[in-house]
Amino acid sequence: MEFEIPANLSDLTAAALTGKAAAAKVEYDTLYAAVTPDSVTDEQIADLKGLHEFFSVTVPNEISGRER
């Protein structure tokens, strides 16, 4: 996996977080398109789960928490 999920989100602006989320989605889509049920590895599944959680849960929660 080329995309690296940032360890510390508090160092990033909301715009940077949005950009990272978009990059993670592209990485997710690319990886998802490259695997099949017969060829997917446990590592690829873990990468897909991590990427999906980052762009669909972690980043939105971080941005939402800052707006409170």
N, C-alpha and C. Protein backbone atom coordinates (compact mmCIF):
# COMPACT_ATOMS: atom_id res chain seq x y z
N MET A 1 0.85 -1.17 0.00
CA MET A 1 0.00 0.00 0.00
C MET A 1 0.90 1.23 0.00
N GLU A 2 0.65 2.13 -0.92
CA GLU A 2 1.47 3.34 -1.04
C GLU A 2 1.03 4.43 -0.06
N PHE A 3 -0.28 4.56 0.15
CA PHE A 3 -0.78 5.59 1.04
C PHE A 3 -0.47 5.22 2.48
N GLU A 4 0.03 6.20 3.22
CA GLU A 4 0.33 5.98 4.63
C GLU A 4 -0.65 6.80 5.47
N ILE A 5 -1.38 6.13 6.32
CA ILE A 5 -2.34 6.81 7.19
C ILE A 5 -1.56 7.61 8.22
N PRO A 6 -1.81 8.91 8.32
CA PRO A 6 -1.08 9.75 9.28
C PRO A 6 -1.31 9.30 10.72
N ALA A 7 -0.27 9.33 11.50
CA ALA A 7 -0.36 8.92 12.90
C ALA A 7 -1.00 10.00 13.76
N ASN A 8 -0.75 11.27 13.44
CA ASN A 8 -1.24 12.36 14.27
C ASN A 8 -2.09 13.31 13.42
N LEU A 9 -3.38 13.18 13.53
CA LEU A 9 -4.29 14.00 12.73
C LEU A 9 -4.37 15.44 13.23
N SER A 10 -4.04 15.66 14.48
CA SER A 10 -4.16 17.01 15.03
C SER A 10 -3.17 17.99 14.40
N ASP A 11 -2.14 17.47 13.77
CA ASP A 11 -1.16 18.33 13.09
C ASP A 11 -1.66 18.83 11.74
N LEU A 12 -2.75 18.26 11.24
CA LEU A 12 -3.24 18.59 9.90
C LEU A 12 -4.43 19.54 9.96
N THR A 13 -4.50 20.44 9.00
CA THR A 13 -5.66 21.33 8.88
C THR A 13 -6.84 20.52 8.35
N ALA A 14 -8.02 21.10 8.44
CA ALA A 14 -9.21 20.43 7.90
C ALA A 14 -9.05 20.19 6.40
N ALA A 15 -8.48 21.15 5.69
CA ALA A 15 -8.27 20.99 4.25
C ALA A 15 -7.28 19.86 3.97
N ALA A 16 -6.23 19.77 4.77
CA ALA A 16 -5.26 18.69 4.60
C ALA A 16 -5.89 17.34 4.91
N LEU A 17 -6.73 17.29 5.93
CA LEU A 17 -7.44 16.05 6.25
C LEU A 17 -8.34 15.62 5.10
N THR A 18 -9.04 16.58 4.52
CA THR A 18 -9.91 16.27 3.38
C THR A 18 -9.10 15.74 2.22
N GLY A 19 -7.94 16.32 1.99
CA GLY A 19 -7.06 15.85 0.92
C GLY A 19 -6.54 14.45 1.20
N LYS A 20 -6.17 14.18 2.44
CA LYS A 20 -5.69 12.84 2.82
C LYS A 20 -6.81 11.81 2.66
N ALA A 21 -8.03 12.20 3.03
CA ALA A 21 -9.17 11.29 2.88
C ALA A 21 -9.40 10.97 1.41
N ALA A 22 -9.30 11.97 0.55
CA ALA A 22 -9.47 11.75 -0.88
C ALA A 22 -8.39 10.83 -1.43
N ALA A 23 -7.16 11.03 -0.99
CA ALA A 23 -6.05 10.17 -1.42
C ALA A 23 -6.26 8.74 -0.94
N ALA A 24 -6.75 8.58 0.28
CA ALA A 24 -7.03 7.24 0.80
C ALA A 24 -8.13 6.56 0.01
N LYS A 25 -9.12 7.32 -0.41
CA LYS A 25 -10.22 6.76 -1.21
C LYS A 25 -9.70 6.28 -2.56
N VAL A 26 -8.82 7.05 -3.19
CA VAL A 26 -8.23 6.65 -4.46
C VAL A 26 -7.43 5.35 -4.27
N GLU A 27 -6.64 5.29 -3.21
CA GLU A 27 -5.85 4.09 -2.92
C GLU A 27 -6.78 2.89 -2.69
N TYR A 28 -7.86 3.11 -1.94
CA TYR A 28 -8.84 2.06 -1.68
C TYR A 28 -9.44 1.55 -3.00
N ASP A 29 -9.90 2.48 -3.83
CA ASP A 29 -10.53 2.10 -5.10
C ASP A 29 -9.56 1.34 -6.00
N THR A 30 -8.30 1.77 -6.02
CA THR A 30 -7.29 1.10 -6.83
C THR A 30 -7.04 -0.32 -6.33
N LEU A 31 -6.89 -0.46 -5.03
CA LEU A 31 -6.65 -1.78 -4.46
C LEU A 31 -7.86 -2.68 -4.64
N TYR A 32 -9.04 -2.14 -4.41
CA TYR A 32 -10.27 -2.92 -4.54
C TYR A 32 -10.43 -3.46 -5.96
N ALA A 33 -10.09 -2.63 -6.94
CA ALA A 33 -10.20 -3.05 -8.34
C ALA A 33 -9.17 -4.11 -8.72
N ALA A 34 -8.09 -4.19 -7.96
CA ALA A 34 -6.99 -5.09 -8.30
C ALA A 34 -7.14 -6.49 -7.71
N VAL A 35 -8.07 -6.68 -6.80
CA VAL A 35 -8.22 -7.98 -6.15
C VAL A 35 -9.51 -8.66 -6.59
N THR A 36 -9.51 -9.96 -6.44
CA THR A 36 -10.71 -10.77 -6.66
C THR A 36 -10.92 -11.62 -5.42
N PRO A 37 -12.10 -12.17 -5.26
CA PRO A 37 -12.32 -13.03 -4.10
C PRO A 37 -11.33 -14.20 -4.03
N ASP A 38 -10.85 -14.63 -5.17
CA ASP A 38 -9.91 -15.76 -5.19
C ASP A 38 -8.46 -15.34 -4.96
N SER A 39 -8.16 -14.06 -5.20
CA SER A 39 -6.76 -13.64 -5.13
C SER A 39 -6.43 -12.74 -3.94
N VAL A 40 -7.43 -12.22 -3.26
CA VAL A 40 -7.19 -11.26 -2.19
C VAL A 40 -6.46 -11.94 -1.02
N THR A 41 -5.49 -11.21 -0.46
CA THR A 41 -4.74 -11.72 0.69
C THR A 41 -5.25 -11.09 1.97
N ASP A 42 -4.87 -11.67 3.08
CA ASP A 42 -5.25 -11.10 4.39
C ASP A 42 -4.70 -9.70 4.55
N GLU A 43 -3.49 -9.46 4.04
CA GLU A 43 -2.89 -8.13 4.13
C GLU A 43 -3.69 -7.12 3.31
N GLN A 44 -4.14 -7.51 2.14
CA GLN A 44 -4.93 -6.60 1.31
C GLN A 44 -6.27 -6.30 1.97
N ILE A 45 -6.87 -7.30 2.58
CA ILE A 45 -8.13 -7.07 3.30
C ILE A 45 -7.91 -6.09 4.44
N ALA A 46 -6.83 -6.26 5.17
CA ALA A 46 -6.52 -5.35 6.28
C ALA A 46 -6.29 -3.93 5.75
N ASP A 47 -5.58 -3.82 4.63
CA ASP A 47 -5.34 -2.51 4.03
C ASP A 47 -6.66 -1.86 3.61
N LEU A 48 -7.53 -2.63 2.97
CA LEU A 48 -8.83 -2.11 2.54
C LEU A 48 -9.64 -1.63 3.74
N LYS A 49 -9.66 -2.41 4.79
CA LYS A 49 -10.41 -2.02 5.99
C LYS A 49 -9.84 -0.76 6.61
N GLY A 50 -8.51 -0.68 6.71
CA GLY A 50 -7.88 0.49 7.29
C GLY A 50 -8.13 1.75 6.49
N LEU A 51 -8.00 1.64 5.17
CA LEU A 51 -8.25 2.78 4.29
C LEU A 51 -9.71 3.23 4.40
N HIS A 52 -10.62 2.27 4.35
CA HIS A 52 -12.05 2.60 4.42
C HIS A 52 -12.39 3.30 5.73
N GLU A 53 -11.87 2.76 6.81
CA GLU A 53 -12.13 3.38 8.12
C GLU A 53 -11.57 4.80 8.17
N PHE A 54 -10.38 5.00 7.60
CA PHE A 54 -9.75 6.31 7.63
C PHE A 54 -10.60 7.35 6.89
N PHE A 55 -10.99 7.05 5.63
CA PHE A 55 -11.70 8.09 4.87
C PHE A 55 -13.18 8.18 5.18
N SER A 56 -13.77 7.13 5.74
CA SER A 56 -15.22 7.19 5.98
C SER A 56 -15.60 7.40 7.45
N VAL A 57 -14.66 7.17 8.38
CA VAL A 57 -14.97 7.31 9.80
C VAL A 57 -14.00 8.26 10.50
N THR A 58 -12.72 7.97 10.41
CA THR A 58 -11.72 8.71 11.18
C THR A 58 -11.67 10.19 10.80
N VAL A 59 -11.52 10.48 9.51
CA VAL A 59 -11.42 11.87 9.07
C VAL A 59 -12.73 12.63 9.34
N PRO A 60 -13.89 12.10 8.96
CA PRO A 60 -15.11 12.84 9.29
C PRO A 60 -15.28 13.10 10.79
N ASN A 61 -14.94 12.13 11.62
CA ASN A 61 -15.04 12.33 13.07
C ASN A 61 -14.07 13.39 13.56
N GLU A 62 -12.86 13.40 13.02
CA GLU A 62 -11.86 14.41 13.40
C GLU A 62 -12.34 15.81 13.03
N ILE A 63 -12.83 15.96 11.82
CA ILE A 63 -13.31 17.28 11.37
C ILE A 63 -14.53 17.70 12.17
N SER A 64 -15.44 16.78 12.39
CA SER A 64 -16.65 17.07 13.17
C SER A 64 -16.28 17.49 14.59
N GLY A 65 -15.31 16.82 15.18
CA GLY A 65 -14.90 17.15 16.54
C GLY A 65 -14.30 18.54 16.64
N ARG A 66 -13.67 18.98 15.60
CA ARG A 66 -13.08 20.32 15.61
C ARG A 66 -14.13 21.42 15.48
N GLU A 67 -15.25 21.09 14.88
CA GLU A 67 -16.30 22.08 14.64
C GLU A 67 -17.16 22.30 15.87
N ARG A 68 -16.99 21.51 16.90
CA ARG A 68 -17.81 21.64 18.12
C ARG A 68 -17.32 22.72 19.00
